[in-house]
Amino acid sequence: MSSTFAREPEFLSVSRLLRVYGLHPDKRLGQNFLQEPGILKNITAAAGIKEEDSVLEIGPGLGSLTRYLAQAAREVIAVELDQRLLPPLQEVLSPYANVKIIQGDILKLNPNQLITKSDYLVAANIPYYITSAVLRHLLSAEQRPRRMVLTIQKEVAGRICAEAGELSLLALSVQVYGKACVSAHIPAGSFYPAPKVDSSVLVVDIYPEPLVRDDLLPDFFRLTKAGFSQKRKKLRNSLSAGMRMAILNAEKILHAAGIDPQRRAETVSLEEWGRLVEIYSGMRIE
């Protein structure tokens, strides 16, 4: 970016800024503001921003991270739900002409209408309670981002990056779209106010195409949801109940995919789920 932004942003005291504007963090919105400079720099670095990049930031809060993103990117589109935060946010970001603030709920907005560049990035310190919804919303968009860097609950980040044997429905729903890893852990004390749990920086590099064909994704999600609907049961039973098919038919498609019907859902790899959905869609067994 321009030499105008050569200097690193000064430390932003969240507590002081909130006090000046007579504001308090809203627990209902899961507001925990990240303010540790070293971590903010690490998140920006993890995004791998190039000078020509457009970045969609979800929940800029008071602009702590936004300032670092703005120094690295061509433009930052920052979507903030809480109208109360707009005045201090606008003050903090006033030196950055390449930041556009939009007030609204990201879950009700189309990412592809917010950011016109097809090859874009997402950076966000998102409230824990909307993690799954935000992931689903971004990954199901017509034009998916190139990379997502999300600060989320440490335990949830670990689940998303799990391998076969410990897979969950959430892990599969992310890993089918991209390669997920944890780039850093963040202690609770790095936030104001401090949450009760630690966080992690989740990085998801999105594949050019999902590992399951787009036209098969609805069946993929139906099958995996059914498979995990009764986790303690054998896969043949959970698929039979969840898909409302006879146990013999569930066994038939599992055998055809090379999967032992006695296994449980968390042991089935993404590749195996992919084979299963192709066979199911081809046979159309009910």
Protein backbone atom coordinates (compact mmCIF):
# COMPACT_ATOMS: atom_id res chain seq x y z
CA MET A 1 0.00 0.00 0.00
CA SER A 2 0.89 3.66 -0.03
CA SER A 3 3.74 4.96 2.08
CA THR A 4 1.00 6.91 3.90
CA PHE A 5 0.47 3.71 5.86
CA ALA A 6 4.13 2.85 6.40
CA ARG A 7 3.85 3.14 10.18
CA GLU A 8 2.22 0.44 12.25
CA PRO A 9 -1.13 1.50 13.77
CA GLU A 10 -0.91 2.75 17.34
CA PHE A 11 -2.32 0.62 20.14
CA LEU A 12 -6.08 1.03 20.34
CA SER A 13 -7.40 0.95 23.91
CA VAL A 14 -10.82 -0.60 23.54
CA SER A 15 -11.87 0.16 27.11
CA ARG A 16 -10.94 3.83 26.76
CA LEU A 17 -12.73 4.23 23.43
CA LEU A 18 -15.88 2.57 24.75
CA ARG A 19 -15.78 4.81 27.81
CA VAL A 20 -15.42 7.96 25.68
CA TYR A 21 -18.52 7.03 23.70
CA GLY A 22 -20.45 5.79 26.75
CA LEU A 23 -20.68 2.25 25.41
CA HIS A 24 -20.47 -1.21 26.92
CA PRO A 25 -19.81 -4.56 25.17
CA ASP A 26 -23.06 -6.32 24.32
CA LYS A 27 -23.00 -9.89 25.63
CA ARG A 28 -25.99 -10.80 23.46
CA LEU A 29 -23.87 -10.06 20.39
CA GLY A 30 -20.86 -11.94 21.74
CA GLN A 31 -18.72 -8.80 21.75
CA ASN A 32 -15.15 -9.51 22.81
CA PHE A 33 -12.80 -7.03 21.16
CA LEU A 34 -9.36 -8.28 20.12
CA GLN A 35 -6.73 -5.63 20.89
CA GLU A 36 -3.30 -7.31 21.17
CA PRO A 37 -1.12 -5.76 18.39
CA GLY A 38 1.07 -8.82 17.88
CA ILE A 39 -1.95 -11.03 17.29
CA LEU A 40 -3.59 -8.50 14.98
CA LYS A 41 -0.42 -8.48 12.87
CA ASN A 42 -0.34 -12.28 12.85
CA ILE A 43 -3.94 -12.48 11.64
CA THR A 44 -3.19 -10.01 8.86
CA ALA A 45 -0.11 -12.00 7.86
CA ALA A 46 -2.12 -15.25 7.87
CA ALA A 47 -4.53 -13.71 5.38
CA GLY A 48 -1.71 -13.43 2.84
CA ILE A 49 -2.99 -10.11 1.53
CA LYS A 50 -1.63 -8.73 -1.73
CA GLU A 51 -1.75 -5.06 -2.69
CA GLU A 52 -4.52 -5.64 -5.22
CA ASP A 53 -6.71 -7.68 -2.85
CA SER A 54 -10.18 -6.90 -1.57
CA VAL A 55 -10.95 -8.04 1.98
CA LEU A 56 -14.36 -8.64 3.50
CA GLU A 57 -14.21 -8.14 7.26
CA ILE A 58 -17.10 -9.38 9.36
CA GLY A 59 -17.62 -7.61 12.68
CA PRO A 60 -14.91 -4.93 12.67
CA GLY A 61 -16.07 -3.79 16.10
CA LEU A 62 -13.92 -0.76 16.86
CA GLY A 63 -11.54 -1.23 13.95
CA SER A 64 -8.56 -2.80 15.72
CA LEU A 65 -7.97 -5.39 12.99
CA THR A 66 -9.43 -3.27 10.19
CA ARG A 67 -6.51 -0.82 10.38
CA TYR A 68 -3.96 -3.57 9.73
CA LEU A 69 -6.05 -5.01 6.89
CA ALA A 70 -6.40 -1.56 5.32
CA GLN A 71 -2.64 -1.08 5.27
CA ALA A 72 -2.17 -4.29 3.30
CA ALA A 73 -5.17 -4.43 0.94
CA ARG A 74 -6.55 -2.38 -1.92
CA GLU A 75 -9.90 -2.16 -0.16
CA VAL A 76 -11.64 -3.44 2.97
CA ILE A 77 -15.40 -3.90 3.15
CA ALA A 78 -16.25 -3.96 6.87
CA VAL A 79 -19.72 -5.19 7.86
CA GLU A 80 -20.80 -4.27 11.40
CA LEU A 81 -24.12 -5.31 12.93
CA ASP A 82 -24.12 -3.04 16.01
CA GLN A 83 -25.20 0.48 15.06
CA ARG A 84 -23.89 1.83 18.38
CA LEU A 85 -20.32 1.10 17.28
CA LEU A 86 -20.50 3.09 14.06
CA PRO A 87 -19.43 6.51 15.48
CA PRO A 88 -16.23 5.24 17.19
CA LEU A 89 -15.54 2.89 14.28
CA GLN A 90 -15.76 5.77 11.81
CA GLU A 91 -13.43 7.84 14.00
CA VAL A 92 -10.82 5.09 14.21
CA LEU A 93 -10.94 4.38 10.48
CA SER A 94 -11.09 8.00 9.29
CA PRO A 95 -7.44 7.93 8.07
CA TYR A 96 -8.16 4.95 5.79
CA ALA A 97 -9.91 5.99 2.59
CA ASN A 98 -9.85 2.40 1.32
CA VAL A 99 -12.25 1.15 4.01
CA LYS A 100 -15.99 1.02 3.39
CA ILE A 101 -18.18 0.48 6.45
CA ILE A 102 -21.54 -1.24 5.97
CA GLN A 103 -24.04 -1.54 8.79
CA GLY A 104 -25.94 -4.81 8.60
CA ASP A 105 -26.19 -8.50 9.41
CA ILE A 106 -23.74 -10.49 7.29
CA LEU A 107 -26.07 -13.50 7.45
CA LYS A 108 -28.74 -11.46 5.66
CA LEU A 109 -26.38 -9.96 3.09
CA ASN A 110 -25.03 -11.52 -0.11
CA PRO A 111 -21.20 -11.46 0.08
CA ASN A 112 -21.00 -11.25 -3.71
CA GLN A 113 -23.01 -8.03 -3.70
CA LEU A 114 -20.82 -6.52 -0.98
CA ILE A 115 -17.55 -7.21 -2.74
CA THR A 116 -17.38 -7.23 -6.52
CA LYS A 117 -13.88 -8.70 -6.90
CA SER A 118 -14.22 -12.43 -7.51
CA ASP A 119 -10.88 -13.37 -5.92
CA TYR A 120 -11.38 -11.93 -2.45
CA LEU A 121 -10.38 -12.69 1.14
CA VAL A 122 -12.35 -12.85 4.39
CA ALA A 123 -11.00 -11.81 7.78
CA ALA A 124 -13.11 -11.82 10.91
CA ASN A 125 -13.15 -11.97 14.68
CA ILE A 126 -16.62 -13.47 14.80
CA PRO A 127 -18.88 -14.07 17.80
CA TYR A 128 -18.66 -17.71 18.83
CA TYR A 129 -22.41 -18.31 18.56
CA ILE A 130 -22.59 -17.60 14.81
CA THR A 131 -19.46 -19.50 13.75
CA SER A 132 -21.28 -22.33 11.95
CA ALA A 133 -23.80 -19.97 10.35
CA VAL A 134 -21.08 -17.64 9.03
CA LEU A 135 -19.05 -20.53 7.60
CA ARG A 136 -22.11 -21.97 5.89
CA HIS A 137 -23.13 -18.55 4.54
CA LEU A 138 -19.71 -17.78 3.04
CA LEU A 139 -19.03 -21.25 1.67
CA SER A 140 -22.43 -21.54 -0.01
CA ALA A 141 -22.05 -18.17 -1.77
CA GLU A 142 -22.04 -18.24 -5.56
CA GLN A 143 -18.51 -16.79 -5.57
CA ARG A 144 -16.52 -18.15 -2.64
CA PRO A 145 -13.53 -16.30 -1.14
CA ARG A 146 -9.97 -17.39 -1.88
CA ARG A 147 -9.10 -17.64 1.79
CA MET A 148 -10.85 -17.16 5.11
CA VAL A 149 -9.07 -16.20 8.31
CA LEU A 150 -11.40 -16.44 11.28
CA THR A 151 -10.83 -15.96 15.00
CA ILE A 152 -13.07 -18.52 16.66
CA GLN A 153 -13.32 -20.62 19.80
CA LYS A 154 -10.24 -22.85 20.16
CA GLU A 155 -12.23 -26.04 20.66
CA VAL A 156 -14.34 -25.38 17.55
CA ALA A 157 -11.25 -24.65 15.43
CA GLY A 158 -9.80 -27.98 16.51
CA ARG A 159 -12.99 -29.79 15.52
CA ILE A 160 -13.01 -28.16 12.08
CA CYS A 161 -9.43 -29.29 11.40
CA ALA A 162 -9.99 -32.84 12.65
CA GLU A 163 -8.99 -35.88 10.61
CA ALA A 164 -10.83 -39.13 9.95
CA GLY A 165 -11.52 -40.87 13.23
CA GLU A 166 -12.57 -37.64 14.90
CA LEU A 167 -14.55 -35.96 12.12
CA SER A 168 -17.75 -34.05 12.78
CA LEU A 169 -20.49 -32.69 10.56
CA LEU A 170 -18.96 -29.23 10.96
CA ALA A 171 -15.51 -30.47 9.89
CA LEU A 172 -16.90 -32.13 6.77
CA SER A 173 -18.98 -29.07 5.85
CA VAL A 174 -15.81 -26.95 5.81
CA GLN A 175 -13.25 -29.45 4.52
CA VAL A 176 -15.32 -30.27 1.45
CA TYR A 177 -14.72 -26.66 0.35
CA GLY A 178 -11.15 -26.05 1.46
CA LYS A 179 -8.06 -27.01 3.45
CA ALA A 180 -8.42 -25.93 7.08
CA CYS A 181 -5.66 -25.40 9.63
CA VAL A 182 -4.98 -23.44 12.81
CA SER A 183 -2.30 -20.78 12.42
CA ALA A 184 -2.22 -19.50 16.01
CA HIS A 185 -3.83 -19.75 19.42
CA ILE A 186 -5.05 -16.67 21.27
CA PRO A 187 -5.31 -16.51 25.07
CA ALA A 188 -8.54 -15.09 26.47
CA GLY A 189 -6.66 -12.13 27.98
CA SER A 190 -5.97 -10.73 24.52
CA PHE A 191 -9.61 -9.64 24.29
CA TYR A 192 -11.63 -6.95 26.03
CA PRO A 193 -13.61 -8.12 27.84
CA ALA A 194 -11.88 -11.49 28.15
CA PRO A 195 -14.08 -14.44 27.14
CA LYS A 196 -14.22 -17.56 29.29
CA VAL A 197 -12.34 -19.68 26.73
CA ASP A 198 -9.28 -19.32 24.52
CA SER A 199 -9.51 -18.73 20.78
CA SER A 200 -7.66 -19.85 17.66
CA VAL A 201 -7.01 -18.36 14.25
CA LEU A 202 -8.58 -20.67 11.69
CA VAL A 203 -7.30 -20.43 8.11
CA VAL A 204 -9.30 -22.04 5.31
CA ASP A 205 -7.80 -22.05 1.81
CA ILE A 206 -10.72 -22.56 -0.54
CA TYR A 207 -10.36 -25.07 -3.37
CA PRO A 208 -11.13 -23.90 -6.93
CA GLU A 209 -13.96 -26.46 -6.85
CA PRO A 210 -15.42 -28.40 -3.88
CA LEU A 211 -14.15 -31.95 -3.39
CA VAL A 212 -17.71 -33.08 -4.07
CA ARG A 213 -19.33 -31.86 -7.30
CA ASP A 214 -21.62 -28.87 -6.85
CA ASP A 215 -24.63 -30.80 -8.14
CA LEU A 216 -24.00 -33.53 -5.53
CA LEU A 217 -23.54 -31.20 -2.56
CA PRO A 218 -27.22 -31.29 -1.49
CA ASP A 219 -27.07 -35.10 -1.27
CA PHE A 220 -23.65 -34.89 0.43
CA PHE A 221 -25.09 -32.73 3.20
CA ARG A 222 -28.20 -34.91 3.51
CA LEU A 223 -26.10 -38.04 3.89
CA THR A 224 -23.57 -36.60 6.32
CA LYS A 225 -26.31 -35.02 8.43
CA ALA A 226 -28.07 -38.38 8.56
CA GLY A 227 -24.83 -40.17 9.38
CA PHE A 228 -24.12 -37.91 12.35
CA SER A 229 -27.72 -37.71 13.55
CA GLN A 230 -27.16 -40.72 15.83
CA LYS A 231 -23.40 -40.65 16.43
CA ARG A 232 -23.28 -43.63 18.78
CA LYS A 233 -25.02 -45.90 16.31
CA LYS A 234 -23.50 -47.88 13.48
CA LEU A 235 -23.52 -46.08 10.15
CA ARG A 236 -26.06 -48.42 8.58
CA ASN A 237 -28.53 -47.61 11.35
CA SER A 238 -28.00 -43.85 11.40
CA LEU A 239 -28.25 -43.64 7.59
CA SER A 240 -31.35 -45.81 7.58
CA ALA A 241 -33.05 -43.62 10.17
CA GLY A 242 -31.81 -40.28 8.87
CA MET A 243 -32.49 -40.99 5.18
CA ARG A 244 -35.64 -43.01 5.89
CA MET A 245 -34.42 -45.99 3.91
CA ALA A 246 -34.47 -49.68 4.70
CA ILE A 247 -31.42 -50.97 6.58
CA LEU A 248 -30.72 -53.38 3.72
CA ASN A 249 -30.57 -50.45 1.28
CA ALA A 250 -28.27 -48.51 3.61
CA GLU A 251 -25.98 -51.55 3.75
CA LYS A 252 -26.12 -51.86 -0.03
CA ILE A 253 -24.80 -48.35 -0.74
CA LEU A 254 -22.22 -48.60 2.04
CA HIS A 255 -20.85 -51.87 0.65
CA ALA A 256 -20.82 -50.36 -2.86
CA ALA A 257 -18.71 -47.46 -1.51
CA GLY A 258 -16.32 -49.86 0.22
CA ILE A 259 -17.42 -48.77 3.70
CA ASP A 260 -18.09 -51.29 6.48
CA PRO A 261 -21.73 -50.71 7.60
CA GLN A 262 -20.61 -51.41 11.19
CA ARG A 263 -18.44 -48.25 11.30
CA ARG A 264 -19.50 -44.99 12.90
CA ALA A 265 -19.82 -41.68 11.08
CA GLU A 266 -16.79 -39.98 12.66
CA THR A 267 -14.45 -42.66 11.27
CA VAL A 268 -15.49 -42.14 7.64
CA SER A 269 -13.08 -39.95 5.65
CA LEU A 270 -14.14 -37.13 3.36
CA GLU A 271 -13.03 -39.20 0.37
CA GLU A 272 -15.27 -42.06 1.51
CA TRP A 273 -18.24 -39.72 1.97
CA GLY A 274 -17.59 -38.51 -1.56
CA ARG A 275 -17.77 -42.06 -2.94
CA LEU A 276 -20.89 -42.73 -0.91
CA VAL A 277 -22.76 -39.71 -2.24
CA GLU A 278 -21.88 -40.59 -5.85
CA ILE A 279 -23.23 -44.09 -5.37
CA TYR A 280 -26.33 -42.90 -3.53
CA SER A 281 -27.11 -40.28 -6.19
CA GLY A 282 -26.60 -42.84 -8.96
CA MET A 283 -28.74 -45.54 -7.36
CA ARG A 284 -31.41 -43.22 -5.94
CA ILE A 285 -32.23 -45.76 -3.26
CA GLU A 286 -34.99 -44.77 -0.85
